Amino acid sequence: QAPGKEREFVGSINSNGRTTYYKDSVKGRFTISRDNAKNTVYLQ
């Protein structure tokens, strides 16, 4: 959420980490991953 703007979707990752989805403007620049053993999701 940027100042003065609505909250917007950046990306999502399914439960096993094999499938990801991204907002068009971040595709190729952002990467979502997760480590279920650490209960952690990342946004590179």
PDB file of all heavy atoms in Angstrom:
ATOM      1  N   GLN A   1       0.855  -1.186   0.000  1.00  0.00           N
ATOM      2  CA  GLN A   1       0.000   0.000   0.000  1.00  0.00           C
ATOM      3  C   GLN A   1       0.884   1.227   0.000  1.00  0.00           C
ATOM      4  O   GLN A   1       1.650   1.461   0.948  1.00  0.00           O
ATOM      5  CB  GLN A   1      -0.920   0.007   1.218  1.00  0.00           C
ATOM      6  CG  GLN A   1      -1.949   1.117   1.185  1.00  0.00           C
ATOM      7  CD  GLN A   1      -3.059   0.894   2.189  1.00  0.00           C
ATOM      8  OE1 GLN A   1      -2.936   0.126   3.141  1.00  0.00           O
ATOM      9  NE2 GLN A   1      -4.169   1.585   1.988  1.00  0.00           N
ATOM     10  N   ALA A   2       0.775   1.987  -1.079  1.00  0.00           N
ATOM     11  CA  ALA A   2       1.509   3.245  -1.200  1.00  0.00           C
ATOM     12  C   ALA A   2       0.686   4.366  -0.580  1.00  0.00           C
ATOM     13  O   ALA A   2      -0.542   4.254  -0.464  1.00  0.00           O
ATOM     14  CB  ALA A   2       1.796   3.527  -2.663  1.00  0.00           C
ATOM     15  N   PRO A   3       1.317   5.448  -0.197  1.00  0.00           N
ATOM     16  CA  PRO A   3       0.587   6.566   0.405  1.00  0.00           C
ATOM     17  C   PRO A   3      -0.532   7.055  -0.500  1.00  0.00           C
ATOM     18  O   PRO A   3      -0.321   7.299  -1.688  1.00  0.00           O
ATOM     19  CB  PRO A   3       1.669   7.640   0.577  1.00  0.00           C
ATOM     20  CG  PRO A   3       2.937   6.878   0.680  1.00  0.00           C
ATOM     21  CD  PRO A   3       2.777   5.691  -0.219  1.00  0.00           C
ATOM     22  N   GLY A   4      -1.712   7.155   0.075  1.00  0.00           N
ATOM     23  CA  GLY A   4      -2.852   7.667  -0.672  1.00  0.00           C
ATOM     24  C   GLY A   4      -3.475   6.693  -1.654  1.00  0.00           C
ATOM     25  O   GLY A   4      -4.369   7.069  -2.413  1.00  0.00           O
ATOM     26  N   LYS A   5      -3.002   5.454  -1.631  1.00  0.00           N
ATOM     27  CA  LYS A   5      -3.520   4.460  -2.575  1.00  0.00           C
ATOM     28  C   LYS A   5      -4.089   3.266  -1.828  1.00  0.00           C
ATOM     29  O   LYS A   5      -3.808   3.047  -0.653  1.00  0.00           O
ATOM     30  CB  LYS A   5      -2.419   4.017  -3.537  1.00  0.00           C
ATOM     31  CG  LYS A   5      -1.911   5.117  -4.446  1.00  0.00           C
ATOM     32  CD  LYS A   5      -0.966   4.562  -5.484  1.00  0.00           C
ATOM     33  CE  LYS A   5      -0.511   5.639  -6.440  1.00  0.00           C
ATOM     34  NZ  LYS A   5       0.397   5.107  -7.486  1.00  0.00           N
ATOM     35  N   GLU A   6      -4.876   2.484  -2.537  1.00  0.00           N
ATOM     36  CA  GLU A   6      -5.444   1.284  -1.950  1.00  0.00           C
ATOM     37  C   GLU A   6      -4.391   0.165  -1.892  1.00  0.00           C
ATOM     38  O   GLU A   6      -3.427   0.162  -2.648  1.00  0.00           O
ATOM     39  CB  GLU A   6      -6.650   0.817  -2.775  1.00  0.00           C
ATOM     40  CG  GLU A   6      -7.835   1.756  -2.703  1.00  0.00           C
ATOM     41  CD  GLU A   6      -9.059   1.169  -3.380  1.00  0.00           C
ATOM     42  OE1 GLU A   6      -8.948   0.098  -4.005  1.00  0.00           O
ATOM     43  OE2 GLU A   6     -10.130   1.791  -3.275  1.00  0.00           O
ATOM     44  N   ARG A   7      -4.641  -0.755  -0.992  1.00  0.00           N
ATOM     45  CA  ARG A   7      -3.766  -1.915  -0.903  1.00  0.00           C
ATOM     46  C   ARG A   7      -3.881  -2.729  -2.180  1.00  0.00           C
ATOM     47  O   ARG A   7      -4.991  -2.980  -2.674  1.00  0.00           O
ATOM     48  CB  ARG A   7      -4.148  -2.749   0.319  1.00  0.00           C
ATOM     49  CG  ARG A   7      -3.160  -3.842   0.664  1.00  0.00           C
ATOM     50  CD  ARG A   7      -3.462  -4.449   2.022  1.00  0.00           C
ATOM     51  NE  ARG A   7      -3.364  -3.465   3.089  1.00  0.00           N
ATOM     52  CZ  ARG A   7      -3.401  -3.773   4.372  1.00  0.00           C
ATOM     53  NH1 ARG A   7      -3.512  -5.047   4.763  1.00  0.00           N
ATOM     54  NH2 ARG A   7      -3.330  -2.830   5.285  1.00  0.00           N
ATOM     55  N   GLU A   8      -2.737  -3.161  -2.722  1.00  0.00           N
ATOM     56  CA  GLU A   8      -2.759  -3.910  -3.968  1.00  0.00           C
ATOM     57  C   GLU A   8      -1.973  -5.213  -3.854  1.00  0.00           C
ATOM     58  O   GLU A   8      -1.009  -5.318  -3.084  1.00  0.00           O
ATOM     59  CB  GLU A   8      -2.199  -3.075  -5.126  1.00  0.00           C
ATOM     60  CG  GLU A   8      -0.739  -2.728  -5.016  1.00  0.00           C
ATOM     61  CD  GLU A   8      -0.210  -2.006  -6.250  1.00  0.00           C
ATOM     62  OE1 GLU A   8      -0.992  -1.684  -7.162  1.00  0.00           O
ATOM     63  OE2 GLU A   8       1.019  -1.762  -6.292  1.00  0.00           O
ATOM     64  N   PHE A   9      -2.405  -6.159  -4.634  1.00  0.00           N
ATOM     65  CA  PHE A   9      -1.779  -7.477  -4.700  1.00  0.00           C
ATOM     66  C   PHE A   9      -0.402  -7.371  -5.347  1.00  0.00           C
ATOM     67  O   PHE A   9      -0.247  -6.711  -6.373  1.00  0.00           O
ATOM     68  CB  PHE A   9      -2.687  -8.399  -5.517  1.00  0.00           C
ATOM     69  CG  PHE A   9      -2.127  -9.753  -5.821  1.00  0.00           C
ATOM     70  CD1 PHE A   9      -2.067 -10.723  -4.843  1.00  0.00           C
ATOM     71  CD2 PHE A   9      -1.696 -10.061  -7.097  1.00  0.00           C
ATOM     72  CE1 PHE A   9      -1.589 -11.991  -5.122  1.00  0.00           C
ATOM     73  CE2 PHE A   9      -1.219 -11.319  -7.399  1.00  0.00           C
ATOM     74  CZ  PHE A   9      -1.155 -12.291  -6.412  1.00  0.00           C
ATOM     75  N   VAL A  10       0.569  -8.033  -4.750  1.00  0.00           N
ATOM     76  CA  VAL A  10       1.910  -8.119  -5.329  1.00  0.00           C
ATOM     77  C   VAL A  10       2.137  -9.517  -5.883  1.00  0.00           C
ATOM     78  O   VAL A  10       2.584  -9.690  -7.020  1.00  0.00           O
ATOM     79  CB  VAL A  10       2.989  -7.786  -4.287  1.00  0.00           C
ATOM     80  CG1 VAL A  10       4.383  -8.027  -4.860  1.00  0.00           C
ATOM     81  CG2 VAL A  10       2.847  -6.346  -3.805  1.00  0.00           C
ATOM     82  N   GLY A  11       1.829 -10.525  -5.071  1.00  0.00           N
ATOM     83  CA  GLY A  11       2.002 -11.892  -5.520  1.00  0.00           C
ATOM     84  C   GLY A  11       1.562 -12.871  -4.460  1.00  0.00           C
ATOM     85  O   GLY A  11       1.303 -12.497  -3.312  1.00  0.00           O
ATOM     86  N   SER A  12       1.472 -14.143  -4.852  1.00  0.00           N
ATOM     87  CA  SER A  12       1.066 -15.175  -3.916  1.00  0.00           C
ATOM     88  C   SER A  12       1.773 -16.483  -4.257  1.00  0.00           C
ATOM     89  O   SER A  12       2.276 -16.655  -5.382  1.00  0.00           O
ATOM     90  CB  SER A  12      -0.449 -15.363  -3.910  1.00  0.00           C
ATOM     91  OG  SER A  12      -0.926 -15.658  -5.204  1.00  0.00           O
ATOM     92  N   ILE A  13       1.791 -17.372  -3.294  1.00  0.00           N
ATOM     93  CA  ILE A  13       2.470 -18.655  -3.458  1.00  0.00           C
ATOM     94  C   ILE A  13       1.609 -19.738  -2.833  1.00  0.00           C
ATOM     95  O   ILE A  13       1.053 -19.545  -1.739  1.00  0.00           O
ATOM     96  CB  ILE A  13       3.882 -18.607  -2.837  1.00  0.00           C
ATOM     97  CG1 ILE A  13       4.668 -19.874  -3.132  1.00  0.00           C
ATOM     98  CG2 ILE A  13       3.830 -18.307  -1.343  1.00  0.00           C
ATOM     99  CD1 ILE A  13       6.153 -19.759  -2.802  1.00  0.00           C
ATOM    100  N   ASN A  14       1.507 -20.866  -3.506  1.00  0.00           N
ATOM    101  CA  ASN A  14       0.645 -21.919  -2.971  1.00  0.00           C
ATOM    102  C   ASN A  14       1.322 -22.627  -1.800  1.00  0.00           C
ATOM    103  O   ASN A  14       2.464 -22.329  -1.444  1.00  0.00           O
ATOM    104  CB  ASN A  14       0.223 -22.893  -4.077  1.00  0.00           C
ATOM    105  CG  ASN A  14       1.318 -23.860  -4.462  1.00  0.00           C
ATOM    106  OD1 ASN A  14       2.500 -23.540  -4.371  1.00  0.00           O
ATOM    107  ND2 ASN A  14       0.926 -25.042  -4.897  1.00  0.00           N
ATOM    108  N   SER A  15       0.620 -23.562  -1.221  1.00  0.00           N
ATOM    109  CA  SER A  15       1.054 -24.138   0.054  1.00  0.00           C
ATOM    110  C   SER A  15       2.390 -24.863  -0.029  1.00  0.00           C
ATOM    111  O   SER A  15       3.187 -24.809   0.913  1.00  0.00           O
ATOM    112  CB  SER A  15      -0.010 -25.080   0.609  1.00  0.00           C
ATOM    113  OG  SER A  15      -0.319 -26.093  -0.338  1.00  0.00           O
ATOM    114  N   ASN A  16       2.663 -25.532  -1.159  1.00  0.00           N
ATOM    115  CA  ASN A  16       3.927 -26.273  -1.251  1.00  0.00           C
ATOM    116  C   ASN A  16       5.033 -25.480  -1.931  1.00  0.00           C
ATOM    117  O   ASN A  16       6.144 -25.980  -2.113  1.00  0.00           O
ATOM    118  CB  ASN A  16       3.725 -27.617  -1.945  1.00  0.00           C
ATOM    119  CG  ASN A  16       3.271 -27.492  -3.385  1.00  0.00           C
ATOM    120  OD1 ASN A  16       3.403 -26.441  -4.004  1.00  0.00           O
ATOM    121  ND2 ASN A  16       2.742 -28.568  -3.927  1.00  0.00           N
ATOM    122  N   GLY A  17       4.725 -24.265  -2.312  1.00  0.00           N
ATOM    123  CA  GLY A  17       5.734 -23.387  -2.883  1.00  0.00           C
ATOM    124  C   GLY A  17       6.026 -23.587  -4.349  1.00  0.00           C
ATOM    125  O   GLY A  17       6.917 -22.940  -4.901  1.00  0.00           O
ATOM    126  N   ARG A  18       5.271 -24.442  -5.010  1.00  0.00           N
ATOM    127  CA  ARG A  18       5.580 -24.759  -6.409  1.00  0.00           C
ATOM    128  C   ARG A  18       4.898 -23.828  -7.401  1.00  0.00           C
ATOM    129  O   ARG A  18       5.270 -23.804  -8.584  1.00  0.00           O
ATOM    130  CB  ARG A  18       5.180 -26.198  -6.711  1.00  0.00           C
ATOM    131  CG  ARG A  18       6.011 -27.223  -5.963  1.00  0.00           C
ATOM    132  CD  ARG A  18       5.499 -28.627  -6.184  1.00  0.00           C
ATOM    133  NE  ARG A  18       6.261 -29.611  -5.391  1.00  0.00           N
ATOM    134  CZ  ARG A  18       5.918 -30.882  -5.254  1.00  0.00           C
ATOM    135  NH1 ARG A  18       4.847 -31.349  -5.869  1.00  0.00           N
ATOM    136  NH2 ARG A  18       6.660 -31.681  -4.515  1.00  0.00           N
ATOM    137  N   THR A  19       3.908 -23.094  -6.963  1.00  0.00           N
ATOM    138  CA  THR A  19       3.157 -22.224  -7.862  1.00  0.00           C
ATOM    139  C   THR A  19       3.114 -20.813  -7.305  1.00  0.00           C
ATOM    140  O   THR A  19       2.789 -20.621  -6.125  1.00  0.00           O
ATOM    141  CB  THR A  19       1.722 -22.742  -8.052  1.00  0.00           C
ATOM    142  OG1 THR A  19       1.766 -24.101  -8.490  1.00  0.00           O
ATOM    143  CG2 THR A  19       0.990 -21.907  -9.091  1.00  0.00           C
ATOM    144  N   THR A  20       3.442 -19.866  -8.158  1.00  0.00           N
ATOM    145  CA  THR A  20       3.410 -18.464  -7.751  1.00  0.00           C
ATOM    146  C   THR A  20       2.650 -17.635  -8.771  1.00  0.00           C
ATOM    147  O   THR A  20       2.545 -18.008  -9.947  1.00  0.00           O
ATOM    148  CB  THR A  20       4.836 -17.892  -7.599  1.00  0.00           C
ATOM    149  OG1 THR A  20       5.565 -18.128  -8.805  1.00  0.00           O
ATOM    150  CG2 THR A  20       5.569 -18.519  -6.427  1.00  0.00           C
ATOM    151  N   TYR A  21       2.124 -16.542  -8.318  1.00  0.00           N
ATOM    152  CA  TYR A  21       1.400 -15.594  -9.155  1.00  0.00           C
ATOM    153  C   TYR A  21       1.885 -14.196  -8.796  1.00  0.00           C
ATOM    154  O   TYR A  21       2.187 -13.923  -7.632  1.00  0.00           O
ATOM    155  CB  TYR A  21      -0.107 -15.702  -8.914  1.00  0.00           C
ATOM    156  CG  TYR A  21      -0.682 -17.048  -9.257  1.00  0.00           C
ATOM    157  CD1 TYR A  21      -0.663 -18.091  -8.338  1.00  0.00           C
ATOM    158  CD2 TYR A  21      -1.243 -17.283 -10.513  1.00  0.00           C
ATOM    159  CE1 TYR A  21      -1.174 -19.332  -8.662  1.00  0.00           C
ATOM    160  CE2 TYR A  21      -1.767 -18.529 -10.839  1.00  0.00           C
ATOM    161  CZ  TYR A  21      -1.726 -19.545  -9.910  1.00  0.00           C
ATOM    162  OH  TYR A  21      -2.230 -20.781 -10.228  1.00  0.00           O
ATOM    163  N   TYR A  22       1.928 -13.318  -9.797  1.00  0.00           N
ATOM    164  CA  TYR A  22       2.450 -11.974  -9.572  1.00  0.00           C
ATOM    165  C   TYR A  22       1.614 -10.917 -10.281  1.00  0.00           C
ATOM    166  O   TYR A  22       1.027 -11.159 -11.334  1.00  0.00           O
ATOM    167  CB  TYR A  22       3.886 -11.860 -10.097  1.00  0.00           C
ATOM    168  CG  TYR A  22       4.865 -12.784  -9.419  1.00  0.00           C
ATOM    169  CD1 TYR A  22       5.190 -14.014  -9.979  1.00  0.00           C
ATOM    170  CD2 TYR A  22       5.456 -12.424  -8.216  1.00  0.00           C
ATOM    171  CE1 TYR A  22       6.092 -14.871  -9.351  1.00  0.00           C
ATOM    172  CE2 TYR A  22       6.357 -13.274  -7.578  1.00  0.00           C
ATOM    173  CZ  TYR A  22       6.657 -14.492  -8.162  1.00  0.00           C
ATOM    174  OH  TYR A  22       7.550 -15.333  -7.531  1.00  0.00           O
ATOM    175  N   LYS A  23       1.629  -9.747  -9.684  1.00  0.00           N
ATOM    176  CA  LYS A  23       1.119  -8.558 -10.369  1.00  0.00           C
ATOM    177  C   LYS A  23       1.999  -8.321 -11.593  1.00  0.00           C
ATOM    178  O   LYS A  23       3.211  -8.516 -11.542  1.00  0.00           O
ATOM    179  CB  LYS A  23       1.211  -7.384  -9.398  1.00  0.00           C
ATOM    180  CG  LYS A  23       0.896  -6.021  -9.954  1.00  0.00           C
ATOM    181  CD  LYS A  23       1.085  -4.963  -8.876  1.00  0.00           C
ATOM    182  CE  LYS A  23       0.911  -3.573  -9.434  1.00  0.00           C
ATOM    183  NZ  LYS A  23      -0.473  -3.338  -9.895  1.00  0.00           N
ATOM    184  N   ASP A  24       1.399  -7.897 -12.686  1.00  0.00           N
ATOM    185  CA  ASP A  24       2.139  -7.747 -13.941  1.00  0.00           C
ATOM    186  C   ASP A  24       3.367  -6.854 -13.792  1.00  0.00           C
ATOM    187  O   ASP A  24       4.425  -7.136 -14.351  1.00  0.00           O
ATOM    188  CB  ASP A  24       1.226  -7.192 -15.025  1.00  0.00           C
ATOM    189  CG  ASP A  24       0.279  -8.237 -15.586  1.00  0.00           C
ATOM    190  OD1 ASP A  24       0.491  -9.437 -15.316  1.00  0.00           O
ATOM    191  OD2 ASP A  24      -0.663  -7.855 -16.293  1.00  0.00           O
ATOM    192  N   SER A  25       3.227  -5.771 -13.058  1.00  0.00           N
ATOM    193  CA  SER A  25       4.314  -4.801 -12.998  1.00  0.00           C
ATOM    194  C   SER A  25       5.533  -5.288 -12.217  1.00  0.00           C
ATOM    195  O   SER A  25       6.585  -4.657 -12.274  1.00  0.00           O
ATOM    196  CB  SER A  25       3.817  -3.486 -12.397  1.00  0.00           C
ATOM    197  OG  SER A  25       3.414  -3.670 -11.050  1.00  0.00           O
ATOM    198  N   VAL A  26       5.413  -6.400 -11.505  1.00  0.00           N
ATOM    199  CA  VAL A  26       6.556  -6.919 -10.753  1.00  0.00           C
ATOM    200  C   VAL A  26       7.095  -8.220 -11.330  1.00  0.00           C
ATOM    201  O   VAL A  26       8.117  -8.729 -10.865  1.00  0.00           O
ATOM    202  CB  VAL A  26       6.233  -7.111  -9.250  1.00  0.00           C
ATOM    203  CG1 VAL A  26       5.639  -5.830  -8.662  1.00  0.00           C
ATOM    204  CG2 VAL A  26       5.310  -8.286  -9.013  1.00  0.00           C
ATOM    205  N   LYS A  27       6.414  -8.752 -12.341  1.00  0.00           N
ATOM    206  CA  LYS A  27       6.887  -9.997 -12.942  1.00  0.00           C
ATOM    207  C   LYS A  27       8.296  -9.830 -13.495  1.00  0.00           C
ATOM    208  O   LYS A  27       8.601  -8.835 -14.151  1.00  0.00           O
ATOM    209  CB  LYS A  27       5.936 -10.426 -14.063  1.00  0.00           C
ATOM    210  CG  LYS A  27       4.636 -11.009 -13.582  1.00  0.00           C
ATOM    211  CD  LYS A  27       3.744 -11.391 -14.757  1.00  0.00           C
ATOM    212  CE  LYS A  27       2.428 -11.943 -14.286  1.00  0.00           C
ATOM    213  NZ  LYS A  27       1.517 -12.253 -15.417  1.00  0.00           N
ATOM    214  N   GLY A  28       9.133 -10.807 -13.209  1.00  0.00           N
ATOM    215  CA  GLY A  28      10.511 -10.738 -13.669  1.00  0.00           C
ATOM    216  C   GLY A  28      11.432  -9.975 -12.736  1.00  0.00           C
ATOM    217  O   GLY A  28      12.657 -10.059 -12.875  1.00  0.00           O
ATOM    218  N   ARG A  29      10.851  -9.231 -11.793  1.00  0.00           N
ATOM    219  CA  ARG A  29      11.671  -8.480 -10.832  1.00  0.00           C
ATOM    220  C   ARG A  29      11.520  -9.028  -9.412  1.00  0.00           C
ATOM    221  O   ARG A  29      12.475  -9.007  -8.649  1.00  0.00           O
ATOM    222  CB  ARG A  29      11.269  -7.001 -10.838  1.00  0.00           C
ATOM    223  CG  ARG A  29      11.431  -6.314 -12.175  1.00  0.00           C
ATOM    224  CD  ARG A  29      11.251  -4.800 -12.038  1.00  0.00           C
ATOM    225  NE  ARG A  29       9.910  -4.435 -11.599  1.00  0.00           N
ATOM    226  CZ  ARG A  29       9.652  -3.722 -10.507  1.00  0.00           C
ATOM    227  NH1 ARG A  29      10.646  -3.310  -9.727  1.00  0.00           N
ATOM    228  NH2 ARG A  29       8.399  -3.423 -10.189  1.00  0.00           N
ATOM    229  N   PHE A  30      10.334  -9.488  -9.076  1.00  0.00           N
ATOM    230  CA  PHE A  30      10.048  -9.992  -7.721  1.00  0.00           C
ATOM    231  C   PHE A  30       9.887 -11.502  -7.763  1.00  0.00           C
ATOM    232  O   PHE A  30       9.359 -12.059  -8.720  1.00  0.00           O
ATOM    233  CB  PHE A  30       8.769  -9.376  -7.178  1.00  0.00           C
ATOM    234  CG  PHE A  30       8.837  -7.909  -6.840  1.00  0.00           C
ATOM    235  CD1 PHE A  30       9.915  -7.120  -7.216  1.00  0.00           C
ATOM    236  CD2 PHE A  30       7.799  -7.317  -6.126  1.00  0.00           C
ATOM    237  CE1 PHE A  30       9.963  -5.775  -6.903  1.00  0.00           C
ATOM    238  CE2 PHE A  30       7.830  -5.976  -5.804  1.00  0.00           C
ATOM    239  CZ  PHE A  30       8.917  -5.198  -6.202  1.00  0.00           C
ATOM    240  N   THR A  31      10.322 -12.143  -6.688  1.00  0.00           N
ATOM    241  CA  THR A  31      10.174 -13.589  -6.556  1.00  0.00           C
ATOM    242  C   THR A  31       9.696 -13.927  -5.154  1.00  0.00           C
ATOM    243  O   THR A  31      10.290 -13.484  -4.163  1.00  0.00           O
ATOM    244  CB  THR A  31      11.506 -14.312  -6.808  1.00  0.00           C
ATOM    245  OG1 THR A  31      11.990 -13.985  -8.109  1.00  0.00           O
ATOM    246  CG2 THR A  31      11.320 -15.824  -6.715  1.00  0.00           C
ATOM    247  N   ILE A  32       8.626 -14.705  -5.102  1.00  0.00           N
ATOM    248  CA  ILE A  32       8.110 -15.180  -3.818  1.00  0.00           C
ATOM    249  C   ILE A  32       8.555 -16.627  -3.624  1.00  0.00           C
ATOM    250  O   ILE A  32       8.470 -17.442  -4.543  1.00  0.00           O
ATOM    251  CB  ILE A  32       6.581 -15.098  -3.767  1.00  0.00           C
ATOM    252  CG1 ILE A  32       6.122 -13.647  -3.903  1.00  0.00           C
ATOM    253  CG2 ILE A  32       6.051 -15.687  -2.464  1.00  0.00           C
ATOM    254  CD1 ILE A  32       4.615 -13.494  -3.994  1.00  0.00           C
ATOM    255  N   SER A  33       8.994 -16.922  -2.415  1.00  0.00           N
ATOM    256  CA  SER A  33       9.356 -18.292  -2.060  1.00  0.00           C
ATOM    257  C   SER A  33       8.947 -18.535  -0.616  1.00  0.00           C
ATOM    258  O   SER A  33       8.570 -17.602   0.096  1.00  0.00           O
ATOM    259  CB  SER A  33      10.856 -18.523  -2.249  1.00  0.00           C
ATOM    260  OG  SER A  33      11.602 -17.653  -1.415  1.00  0.00           O
ATOM    261  N   ARG A  34       9.007 -19.776  -0.211  1.00  0.00           N
ATOM    262  CA  ARG A  34       8.650 -20.099   1.168  1.00  0.00           C
ATOM    263  C   ARG A  34       9.481 -21.266   1.661  1.00  0.00           C
ATOM    264  O   ARG A  34       9.919 -22.119   0.886  1.00  0.00           O
ATOM    265  CB  ARG A  34       7.163 -20.398   1.290  1.00  0.00           C
ATOM    266  CG  ARG A  34       6.693 -21.650   0.573  1.00  0.00           C
ATOM    267  CD  ARG A  34       5.168 -21.720   0.544  1.00  0.00           C
ATOM    268  NE  ARG A  34       4.572 -21.842   1.865  1.00  0.00           N
ATOM    269  CZ  ARG A  34       3.292 -21.608   2.120  1.00  0.00           C
ATOM    270  NH1 ARG A  34       2.473 -21.211   1.146  1.00  0.00           N
ATOM    271  NH2 ARG A  34       2.827 -21.759   3.345  1.00  0.00           N
ATOM    272  N   ASP A  35       9.667 -21.278   2.973  1.00  0.00           N
ATOM    273  CA  ASP A  35      10.329 -22.385   3.646  1.00  0.00           C
ATOM    274  C   ASP A  35       9.370 -22.863   4.723  1.00  0.00           C
ATOM    275  O   ASP A  35       9.256 -22.243   5.787  1.00  0.00           O
ATOM    276  CB  ASP A  35      11.650 -21.916   4.251  1.00  0.00           C
ATOM    277  CG  ASP A  35      12.458 -23.043   4.879  1.00  0.00           C
ATOM    278  OD1 ASP A  35      11.854 -24.083   5.207  1.00  0.00           O
ATOM    279  OD2 ASP A  35      13.655 -22.888   5.056  1.00  0.00           O
ATOM    280  N   ASN A  36       8.655 -23.926   4.435  1.00  0.00           N
ATOM    281  CA  ASN A  36       7.626 -24.398   5.365  1.00  0.00           C
ATOM    282  C   ASN A  36       8.229 -24.923   6.667  1.00  0.00           C
ATOM    283  O   ASN A  36       7.560 -24.913   7.698  1.00  0.00           O
ATOM    284  CB  ASN A  36       6.758 -25.452   4.695  1.00  0.00           C
ATOM    285  CG  ASN A  36       5.784 -24.851   3.701  1.00  0.00           C
ATOM    286  OD1 ASN A  36       5.513 -23.635   3.715  1.00  0.00           O
ATOM    287  ND2 ASN A  36       5.263 -25.681   2.806  1.00  0.00           N
ATOM    288  N   ALA A  37       9.462 -25.375   6.616  1.00  0.00           N
ATOM    289  CA  ALA A  37      10.113 -25.838   7.849  1.00  0.00           C
ATOM    290  C   ALA A  37      10.380 -24.682   8.804  1.00  0.00           C
ATOM    291  O   ALA A  37      10.488 -24.888  10.017  1.00  0.00           O
ATOM    292  CB  ALA A  37      11.409 -26.545   7.510  1.00  0.00           C
ATOM    293  N   LYS A  38      10.487 -23.475   8.245  1.00  0.00           N
ATOM    294  CA  LYS A  38      10.753 -22.290   9.063  1.00  0.00           C
ATOM    295  C   LYS A  38       9.529 -21.396   9.207  1.00  0.00           C
ATOM    296  O   LYS A  38       9.631 -20.296   9.756  1.00  0.00           O
ATOM    297  CB  LYS A  38      11.904 -21.485   8.459  1.00  0.00           C
ATOM    298  CG  LYS A  38      13.242 -22.214   8.447  1.00  0.00           C
ATOM    299  CD  LYS A  38      14.339 -21.338   7.869  1.00  0.00           C
ATOM    300  CE  LYS A  38      15.683 -22.045   7.905  1.00  0.00           C
ATOM    301  NZ  LYS A  38      16.771 -21.205   7.331  1.00  0.00           N
ATOM    302  N   ASN A  39       8.395 -21.842   8.672  1.00  0.00           N
ATOM    303  CA  ASN A  39       7.168 -21.026   8.726  1.00  0.00           C
ATOM    304  C   ASN A  39       7.411 -19.622   8.167  1.00  0.00           C
ATOM    305  O   ASN A  39       6.906 -18.626   8.705  1.00  0.00           O
ATOM    306  CB  ASN A  39       6.648 -20.912  10.163  1.00  0.00           C
ATOM    307  CG  ASN A  39       5.797 -22.090  10.586  1.00  0.00           C
ATOM    308  OD1 ASN A  39       5.858 -23.154   9.968  1.00  0.00           O
ATOM    309  ND2 ASN A  39       5.015 -21.923  11.631  1.00  0.00           N
ATOM    310  N   THR A  40       8.129 -19.544   7.077  1.00  0.00           N
ATOM    311  CA  THR A  40       8.547 -18.248   6.547  1.00  0.00           C
ATOM    312  C   THR A  40       8.262 -18.157   5.055  1.00  0.00           C
ATOM    313  O   THR A  40       8.494 -19.115   4.312  1.00  0.00           O
ATOM    314  CB  THR A  40      10.045 -18.010   6.806  1.00  0.00           C
ATOM    315  OG1 THR A  40      10.304 -18.088   8.209  1.00  0.00           O
ATOM    316  CG2 THR A  40      10.458 -16.633   6.306  1.00  0.00           C
ATOM    317  N   VAL A  41       7.779 -17.000   4.648  1.00  0.00           N
ATOM    318  CA  VAL A  41       7.606 -16.689   3.240  1.00  0.00           C
ATOM    319  C   VAL A  41       8.461 -15.466   2.935  1.00  0.00           C
ATOM    320  O   VAL A  41       8.620 -14.584   3.784  1.00  0.00           O
ATOM    321  CB  VAL A  41       6.117 -16.461   2.882  1.00  0.00           C
ATOM    322  CG1 VAL A  41       5.528 -15.290   3.651  1.00  0.00           C
ATOM    323  CG2 VAL A  41       5.940 -16.273   1.391  1.00  0.00           C
ATOM    324  N   TYR A  42       9.024 -15.442   1.734  1.00  0.00           N
ATOM    325  CA  TYR A  42       9.958 -14.398   1.344  1.00  0.00           C
ATOM    326  C   TYR A  42       9.452 -13.658   0.107  1.00  0.00           C
ATOM    327  O   TYR A  42       8.739 -14.219  -0.725  1.00  0.00           O
ATOM    328  CB  TYR A  42      11.329 -14.998   1.024  1.00  0.00           C
ATOM    329  CG  TYR A  42      11.929 -15.811   2.138  1.00  0.00           C
ATOM    330  CD1 TYR A  42      11.773 -17.197   2.167  1.00  0.00           C
ATOM    331  CD2 TYR A  42      12.645 -15.207   3.157  1.00  0.00           C
ATOM    332  CE1 TYR A  42      12.331 -17.950   3.194  1.00  0.00           C
ATOM    333  CE2 TYR A  42      13.199 -15.948   4.184  1.00  0.00           C
ATOM    334  CZ  TYR A  42      13.038 -17.328   4.199  1.00  0.00           C
ATOM    335  OH  TYR A  42      13.585 -18.070   5.219  1.00  0.00           O
ATOM    336  N   LEU A  43       9.885 -12.415   0.008  1.00  0.00           N
ATOM    337  CA  LEU A  43       9.650 -11.639  -1.202  1.00  0.00           C
ATOM    338  C   LEU A  43      10.992 -11.022  -1.594  1.00  0.00           C
ATOM    339  O   LEU A  43      11.454 -10.077  -0.957  1.00  0.00           O
ATOM    340  CB  LEU A  43       8.605 -10.540  -0.972  1.00  0.00           C
ATOM    341  CG  LEU A  43       8.316  -9.637  -2.176  1.00  0.00           C
ATOM    342  CD1 LEU A  43       7.701 -10.448  -3.315  1.00  0.00           C
ATOM    343  CD2 LEU A  43       7.375  -8.501  -1.785  1.00  0.00           C
ATOM    344  N   GLN A  44      11.597 -11.607  -2.615  1.00  0.00           N
ATOM    345  CA  GLN A  44      12.849 -11.077  -3.143  1.00  0.00           C
ATOM    346  C   GLN A  44      12.510 -10.031  -4.191  1.00  0.00           C
ATOM    347  O   GLN A  44      11.808 -10.326  -5.159  1.00  0.00           O
ATOM    348  CB  GLN A  44      13.678 -12.197  -3.769  1.00  0.00           C
ATOM    349  CG  GLN A  44      14.899 -11.720  -4.543  1.00  0.00           C
ATOM    350  CD  GLN A  44      15.994 -11.167  -3.663  1.00  0.00           C
ATOM    351  OE1 GLN A  44      16.280 -11.743  -2.612  1.00  0.00           O
ATOM    352  NE2 GLN A  44      16.611 -10.065  -4.064  1.00  0.00           N
TER     353      GLN A  44
END
